Amino acid sequence: MDAEHLESCLAQAWWEAALRVDVRDFFLDARAQVDARVTRERPLCLASGGCCNFEAHGHLLYVSGLEAAFTVLRLSALHGIEVSADQLQASRERGDCPYLQGLFCGAHHERPLGCRIYFCDERAVHWQSELYESTHQGVQRLHERLGLPYRYMEWRAALHCVLSAREAVG
């Protein structure tokens, strides 16, 4: 089996799992925990779009395949937000997130856990890493519990993978 076919099979498994109630409950609970911590810490957000302009600001967003599938599913089903292959390619060329609209996140309510945790505020550094690691460990345990292969991928690569799988599934 070649690497592309393997990734397609994995993405189909993530896509199917993203439809499960227990997966939904896990991610909604994880989001609530992250959001509660962010509320307690009160980091400064300048709404500059820097968090979404990955390459210009020297960072990348990583997600698991399952989280990418869950996010895409929710954006489509609940908000009617879709990203085309052309939009995804354009975001790669610009070095930003395909959901970035001006200086704002077009996927704000459904954004991945890493987006919820990351703030440009230097005062947030001390708690961001710890929160991200504990949240990420929970995502890894979810994959293990479900018997799903785990892949940790750059956001746009993960989107490409799961969007291709969604097309194949129908």
C-alpha atoms as a PDB file:
ATOM      1  CA  MET A   1       0.000   0.000   0.000  1.00  0.00           C
ATOM      2  CA  ASP A   2       1.533   3.336  -0.995  1.00  0.00           C
ATOM      3  CA  ALA A   3       1.717   6.267   1.442  1.00  0.00           C
ATOM      4  CA  GLU A   4      -1.032   8.260  -0.282  1.00  0.00           C
ATOM      5  CA  HIS A   5      -3.460   5.321  -0.169  1.00  0.00           C
ATOM      6  CA  LEU A   6      -2.602   4.691   3.486  1.00  0.00           C
ATOM      7  CA  GLU A   7      -3.263   8.337   4.400  1.00  0.00           C
ATOM      8  CA  SER A   8      -6.579   8.183   2.511  1.00  0.00           C
ATOM      9  CA  CYS A   9      -7.639   5.104   4.495  1.00  0.00           C
ATOM     10  CA  LEU A  10      -6.609   6.743   7.765  1.00  0.00           C
ATOM     11  CA  ALA A  11      -8.495   9.909   6.893  1.00  0.00           C
ATOM     12  CA  GLN A  12     -11.623   7.930   6.077  1.00  0.00           C
ATOM     13  CA  ALA A  13     -11.407   6.275   9.502  1.00  0.00           C
ATOM     14  CA  TRP A  14     -11.002   9.697  11.160  1.00  0.00           C
ATOM     15  CA  TRP A  15     -13.920  11.086   9.168  1.00  0.00           C
ATOM     16  CA  GLU A  16     -16.195   8.218  10.218  1.00  0.00           C
ATOM     17  CA  ALA A  17     -15.083   8.515  13.863  1.00  0.00           C
ATOM     18  CA  ALA A  18     -15.729  12.277  13.838  1.00  0.00           C
ATOM     19  CA  LEU A  19     -19.430  11.457  13.450  1.00  0.00           C
ATOM     20  CA  ARG A  20     -19.513   9.540  16.753  1.00  0.00           C
ATOM     21  CA  VAL A  21     -21.268  11.037  19.784  1.00  0.00           C
ATOM     22  CA  ASP A  22     -18.428  10.113  22.150  1.00  0.00           C
ATOM     23  CA  VAL A  23     -15.938  11.929  19.899  1.00  0.00           C
ATOM     24  CA  ARG A  24     -18.177  14.984  19.819  1.00  0.00           C
ATOM     25  CA  ASP A  25     -18.512  14.882  23.603  1.00  0.00           C
ATOM     26  CA  PHE A  26     -14.747  14.550  24.044  1.00  0.00           C
ATOM     27  CA  PHE A  27     -13.906  17.556  21.856  1.00  0.00           C
ATOM     28  CA  LEU A  28     -16.693  19.730  23.252  1.00  0.00           C
ATOM     29  CA  ASP A  29     -15.529  18.939  26.799  1.00  0.00           C
ATOM     30  CA  ALA A  30     -11.885  19.609  25.890  1.00  0.00           C
ATOM     31  CA  ARG A  31     -12.904  22.921  24.315  1.00  0.00           C
ATOM     32  CA  ALA A  32     -14.851  23.879  27.425  1.00  0.00           C
ATOM     33  CA  GLN A  33     -11.868  23.075  29.653  1.00  0.00           C
ATOM     34  CA  VAL A  34      -9.508  25.110  27.461  1.00  0.00           C
ATOM     35  CA  ASP A  35     -11.946  28.006  27.258  1.00  0.00           C
ATOM     36  CA  ALA A  36     -12.363  27.994  31.062  1.00  0.00           C
ATOM     37  CA  ARG A  37      -8.601  28.161  31.566  1.00  0.00           C
ATOM     38  CA  VAL A  38      -8.266  30.964  29.013  1.00  0.00           C
ATOM     39  CA  THR A  39     -11.035  32.864  30.793  1.00  0.00           C
ATOM     40  CA  ARG A  40      -9.195  32.465  34.120  1.00  0.00           C
ATOM     41  CA  GLU A  41      -5.826  33.519  32.679  1.00  0.00           C
ATOM     42  CA  ARG A  42      -7.215  36.444  30.660  1.00  0.00           C
ATOM     43  CA  PRO A  43      -4.508  36.645  27.974  1.00  0.00           C
ATOM     44  CA  LEU A  44      -4.401  39.735  25.810  1.00  0.00           C
ATOM     45  CA  CYS A  45      -5.661  39.305  22.235  1.00  0.00           C
ATOM     46  CA  LEU A  46      -4.948  42.203  19.914  1.00  0.00           C
ATOM     47  CA  ALA A  47      -7.032  40.668  17.087  1.00  0.00           C
ATOM     48  CA  SER A  48      -4.088  41.189  14.746  1.00  0.00           C
ATOM     49  CA  GLY A  49      -4.544  37.953  12.823  1.00  0.00           C
ATOM     50  CA  GLY A  50      -0.983  36.985  13.776  1.00  0.00           C
ATOM     51  CA  CYS A  51      -2.102  33.660  15.193  1.00  0.00           C
ATOM     52  CA  CYS A  52      -3.536  32.722  11.785  1.00  0.00           C
ATOM     53  CA  ASN A  53      -0.672  34.104   9.683  1.00  0.00           C
ATOM     54  CA  PHE A  54       1.489  31.110  10.477  1.00  0.00           C
ATOM     55  CA  GLU A  55       4.574  31.666   8.392  1.00  0.00           C
ATOM     56  CA  ALA A  56       4.710  35.450   8.813  1.00  0.00           C
ATOM     57  CA  HIS A  57       4.710  35.016  12.600  1.00  0.00           C
ATOM     58  CA  GLY A  58       6.995  31.990  12.821  1.00  0.00           C
ATOM     59  CA  HIS A  59       4.685  29.272  14.035  1.00  0.00           C
ATOM     60  CA  LEU A  60       2.468  26.482  12.727  1.00  0.00           C
ATOM     61  CA  LEU A  61      -0.682  24.821  13.978  1.00  0.00           C
ATOM     62  CA  TYR A  62      -0.687  21.056  14.463  1.00  0.00           C
ATOM     63  CA  VAL A  63      -3.711  18.813  14.982  1.00  0.00           C
ATOM     64  CA  SER A  64      -4.485  15.129  15.005  1.00  0.00           C
ATOM     65  CA  GLY A  65      -6.262  13.692  11.994  1.00  0.00           C
ATOM     66  CA  LEU A  66      -9.352  13.079  14.099  1.00  0.00           C
ATOM     67  CA  GLU A  67      -9.471  16.666  15.361  1.00  0.00           C
ATOM     68  CA  ALA A  68      -9.147  17.973  11.799  1.00  0.00           C
ATOM     69  CA  ALA A  69     -12.031  15.754  10.662  1.00  0.00           C
ATOM     70  CA  PHE A  70     -14.164  16.779  13.650  1.00  0.00           C
ATOM     71  CA  THR A  71     -13.494  20.471  13.003  1.00  0.00           C
ATOM     72  CA  VAL A  72     -14.318  20.241   9.285  1.00  0.00           C
ATOM     73  CA  LEU A  73     -17.480  18.263  10.046  1.00  0.00           C
ATOM     74  CA  ARG A  74     -18.721  20.828  12.571  1.00  0.00           C
ATOM     75  CA  LEU A  75     -17.871  23.811  10.366  1.00  0.00           C
ATOM     76  CA  SER A  76     -19.828  22.295   7.510  1.00  0.00           C
ATOM     77  CA  ALA A  77     -22.788  20.860   9.414  1.00  0.00           C
ATOM     78  CA  LEU A  78     -23.382  23.669  11.897  1.00  0.00           C
ATOM     79  CA  HIS A  79     -22.137  26.747  10.074  1.00  0.00           C
ATOM     80  CA  GLY A  80     -22.178  25.882   6.363  1.00  0.00           C
ATOM     81  CA  ILE A  81     -18.481  26.779   6.157  1.00  0.00           C
ATOM     82  CA  GLU A  82     -16.528  24.881   3.527  1.00  0.00           C
ATOM     83  CA  VAL A  83     -12.962  25.182   2.276  1.00  0.00           C
ATOM     84  CA  SER A  84     -12.265  24.212  -1.303  1.00  0.00           C
ATOM     85  CA  ALA A  85      -9.049  22.663  -2.560  1.00  0.00           C
ATOM     86  CA  ASP A  86      -8.302  25.977  -4.295  1.00  0.00           C
ATOM     87  CA  GLN A  87      -8.791  27.949  -1.078  1.00  0.00           C
ATOM     88  CA  LEU A  88      -6.580  25.522   0.795  1.00  0.00           C
ATOM     89  CA  GLN A  89      -3.852  25.802  -1.839  1.00  0.00           C
ATOM     90  CA  ALA A  90      -4.084  29.597  -1.782  1.00  0.00           C
ATOM     91  CA  SER A  91      -3.686  29.598   2.010  1.00  0.00           C
ATOM     92  CA  ARG A  92      -0.583  27.436   1.683  1.00  0.00           C
ATOM     93  CA  GLU A  93       0.872  29.911  -0.807  1.00  0.00           C
ATOM     94  CA  ARG A  94       0.075  32.851   1.498  1.00  0.00           C
ATOM     95  CA  GLY A  95       1.294  30.971   4.574  1.00  0.00           C
ATOM     96  CA  ASP A  96      -1.894  31.435   6.562  1.00  0.00           C
ATOM     97  CA  CYS A  97      -5.015  29.589   7.624  1.00  0.00           C
ATOM     98  CA  PRO A  98      -7.687  29.008   4.989  1.00  0.00           C
ATOM     99  CA  TYR A  99     -10.321  30.175   7.478  1.00  0.00           C
ATOM    100  CA  LEU A 100      -8.667  33.559   8.040  1.00  0.00           C
ATOM    101  CA  GLN A 101     -10.945  36.410   6.920  1.00  0.00           C
ATOM    102  CA  GLY A 102      -9.115  39.707   7.077  1.00  0.00           C
ATOM    103  CA  LEU A 103      -7.801  39.822  10.637  1.00  0.00           C
ATOM    104  CA  PHE A 104     -10.435  37.467  12.034  1.00  0.00           C
ATOM    105  CA  CYS A 105     -11.037  33.745  12.276  1.00  0.00           C
ATOM    106  CA  GLY A 106     -13.903  32.592  10.072  1.00  0.00           C
ATOM    107  CA  ALA A 107     -14.001  29.329  12.035  1.00  0.00           C
ATOM    108  CA  HIS A 108     -13.848  30.891  15.488  1.00  0.00           C
ATOM    109  CA  HIS A 109     -16.588  28.828  17.169  1.00  0.00           C
ATOM    110  CA  GLU A 110     -15.205  25.548  15.835  1.00  0.00           C
ATOM    111  CA  ARG A 111     -11.464  26.330  15.800  1.00  0.00           C
ATOM    112  CA  PRO A 112      -9.058  23.579  16.891  1.00  0.00           C
ATOM    113  CA  LEU A 113      -7.788  23.238  20.435  1.00  0.00           C
ATOM    114  CA  GLY A 114      -4.367  24.643  19.541  1.00  0.00           C
ATOM    115  CA  CYS A 115      -6.009  27.825  18.251  1.00  0.00           C
ATOM    116  CA  ARG A 116      -7.972  28.158  21.465  1.00  0.00           C
ATOM    117  CA  ILE A 117      -4.800  27.878  23.540  1.00  0.00           C
ATOM    118  CA  TYR A 118      -2.410  30.026  21.504  1.00  0.00           C
ATOM    119  CA  PHE A 119      -2.099  33.728  22.268  1.00  0.00           C
ATOM    120  CA  CYS A 120       0.612  36.148  21.158  1.00  0.00           C
ATOM    121  CA  ASP A 121       0.608  37.574  24.695  1.00  0.00           C
ATOM    122  CA  GLU A 122       4.036  36.863  26.196  1.00  0.00           C
ATOM    123  CA  ARG A 123       2.462  36.640  29.658  1.00  0.00           C
ATOM    124  CA  ALA A 124       0.589  33.525  28.488  1.00  0.00           C
ATOM    125  CA  VAL A 125       3.680  31.460  27.724  1.00  0.00           C
ATOM    126  CA  HIS A 126       3.910  29.955  31.226  1.00  0.00           C
ATOM    127  CA  TRP A 127       0.502  28.265  31.106  1.00  0.00           C
ATOM    128  CA  GLN A 128       0.009  27.701  27.357  1.00  0.00           C
ATOM    129  CA  SER A 129       2.567  24.894  27.027  1.00  0.00           C
ATOM    130  CA  GLU A 130       1.234  22.981  30.021  1.00  0.00           C
ATOM    131  CA  LEU A 131      -2.355  23.325  28.837  1.00  0.00           C
ATOM    132  CA  TYR A 132      -1.480  22.300  25.297  1.00  0.00           C
ATOM    133  CA  GLU A 133       0.453  19.226  26.453  1.00  0.00           C
ATOM    134  CA  SER A 134      -2.316  18.002  28.758  1.00  0.00           C
ATOM    135  CA  THR A 135      -4.977  18.625  26.103  1.00  0.00           C
ATOM    136  CA  HIS A 136      -2.887  16.909  23.456  1.00  0.00           C
ATOM    137  CA  GLN A 137      -2.382  13.864  25.686  1.00  0.00           C
ATOM    138  CA  GLY A 138      -6.158  13.599  25.980  1.00  0.00           C
ATOM    139  CA  VAL A 139      -6.468  13.590  22.180  1.00  0.00           C
ATOM    140  CA  GLN A 140      -3.847  10.835  21.974  1.00  0.00           C
ATOM    141  CA  ARG A 141      -5.736   8.768  24.556  1.00  0.00           C
ATOM    142  CA  LEU A 142      -8.949   9.240  22.552  1.00  0.00           C
ATOM    143  CA  HIS A 143      -7.266   7.806  19.453  1.00  0.00           C
ATOM    144  CA  GLU A 144      -5.998   4.869  21.527  1.00  0.00           C
ATOM    145  CA  ARG A 145      -9.396   4.221  23.116  1.00  0.00           C
ATOM    146  CA  LEU A 146     -11.062   4.197  19.703  1.00  0.00           C
ATOM    147  CA  GLY A 147      -8.321   2.081  18.118  1.00  0.00           C
ATOM    148  CA  LEU A 148      -7.720   4.836  15.554  1.00  0.00           C
ATOM    149  CA  PRO A 149      -4.325   5.436  14.020  1.00  0.00           C
ATOM    150  CA  TYR A 150      -2.851   8.646  15.335  1.00  0.00           C
ATOM    151  CA  ARG A 151      -1.163  11.227  13.115  1.00  0.00           C
ATOM    152  CA  TYR A 152      -0.065  14.672  14.286  1.00  0.00           C
ATOM    153  CA  MET A 153      -0.036  16.940  11.244  1.00  0.00           C
ATOM    154  CA  GLU A 154       0.319  20.543  10.244  1.00  0.00           C
ATOM    155  CA  TRP A 155      -3.195  22.038  10.024  1.00  0.00           C
ATOM    156  CA  ARG A 156      -3.325  22.619   6.269  1.00  0.00           C
ATOM    157  CA  ALA A 157      -1.907  19.171   5.521  1.00  0.00           C
ATOM    158  CA  ALA A 158      -4.504  17.636   7.850  1.00  0.00           C
ATOM    159  CA  LEU A 159      -7.256  19.606   6.136  1.00  0.00           C
ATOM    160  CA  HIS A 160      -6.081  18.375   2.746  1.00  0.00           C
ATOM    161  CA  CYS A 161      -6.113  14.805   4.026  1.00  0.00           C
ATOM    162  CA  VAL A 162      -9.589  14.872   5.583  1.00  0.00           C
ATOM    163  CA  LEU A 163     -11.180  16.930   2.807  1.00  0.00           C
ATOM    164  CA  SER A 164      -9.945  14.387   0.265  1.00  0.00           C
ATOM    165  CA  ALA A 165     -11.368  11.572   2.395  1.00  0.00           C
ATOM    166  CA  ARG A 166     -14.715  13.334   2.705  1.00  0.00           C
ATOM    167  CA  GLU A 167     -14.938  13.524  -1.077  1.00  0.00           C
ATOM    168  CA  ALA A 168     -14.179   9.774  -1.301  1.00  0.00           C
ATOM    169  CA  VAL A 169     -16.792   8.895   1.353  1.00  0.00           C
ATOM    170  CA  GLY A 170     -19.375  11.129  -0.275  1.00  0.00           C
END
